């Protein structure tokens, strides 16, 4: 039986975390999925999350969401300043 490699595990967990982060942004802002994805994929958290050596991807998506918002607020950018499409 083949076991998944470290890279495969990291990729799976990173993709899961990104999916959850997008969901959290939508729930908190009411924005579209496209806007939420743009928010998450352009956040300062993404490079850190994709760094396999840092292993940030093993943290819970809820923790990562709080971290992302904290990182954005430290950059004087409102973490949830996404226009809604109502």
Foldseek 3Di string as FASTA:
>chain_A
DDDDDLVVVLVVLLVVLLVVQLVVLCVVAVADSVQSNCLSCPFPCVVVSSPSVNVPSVDDSVVSNVVSQVSCVVVVHHSNPTDHDD
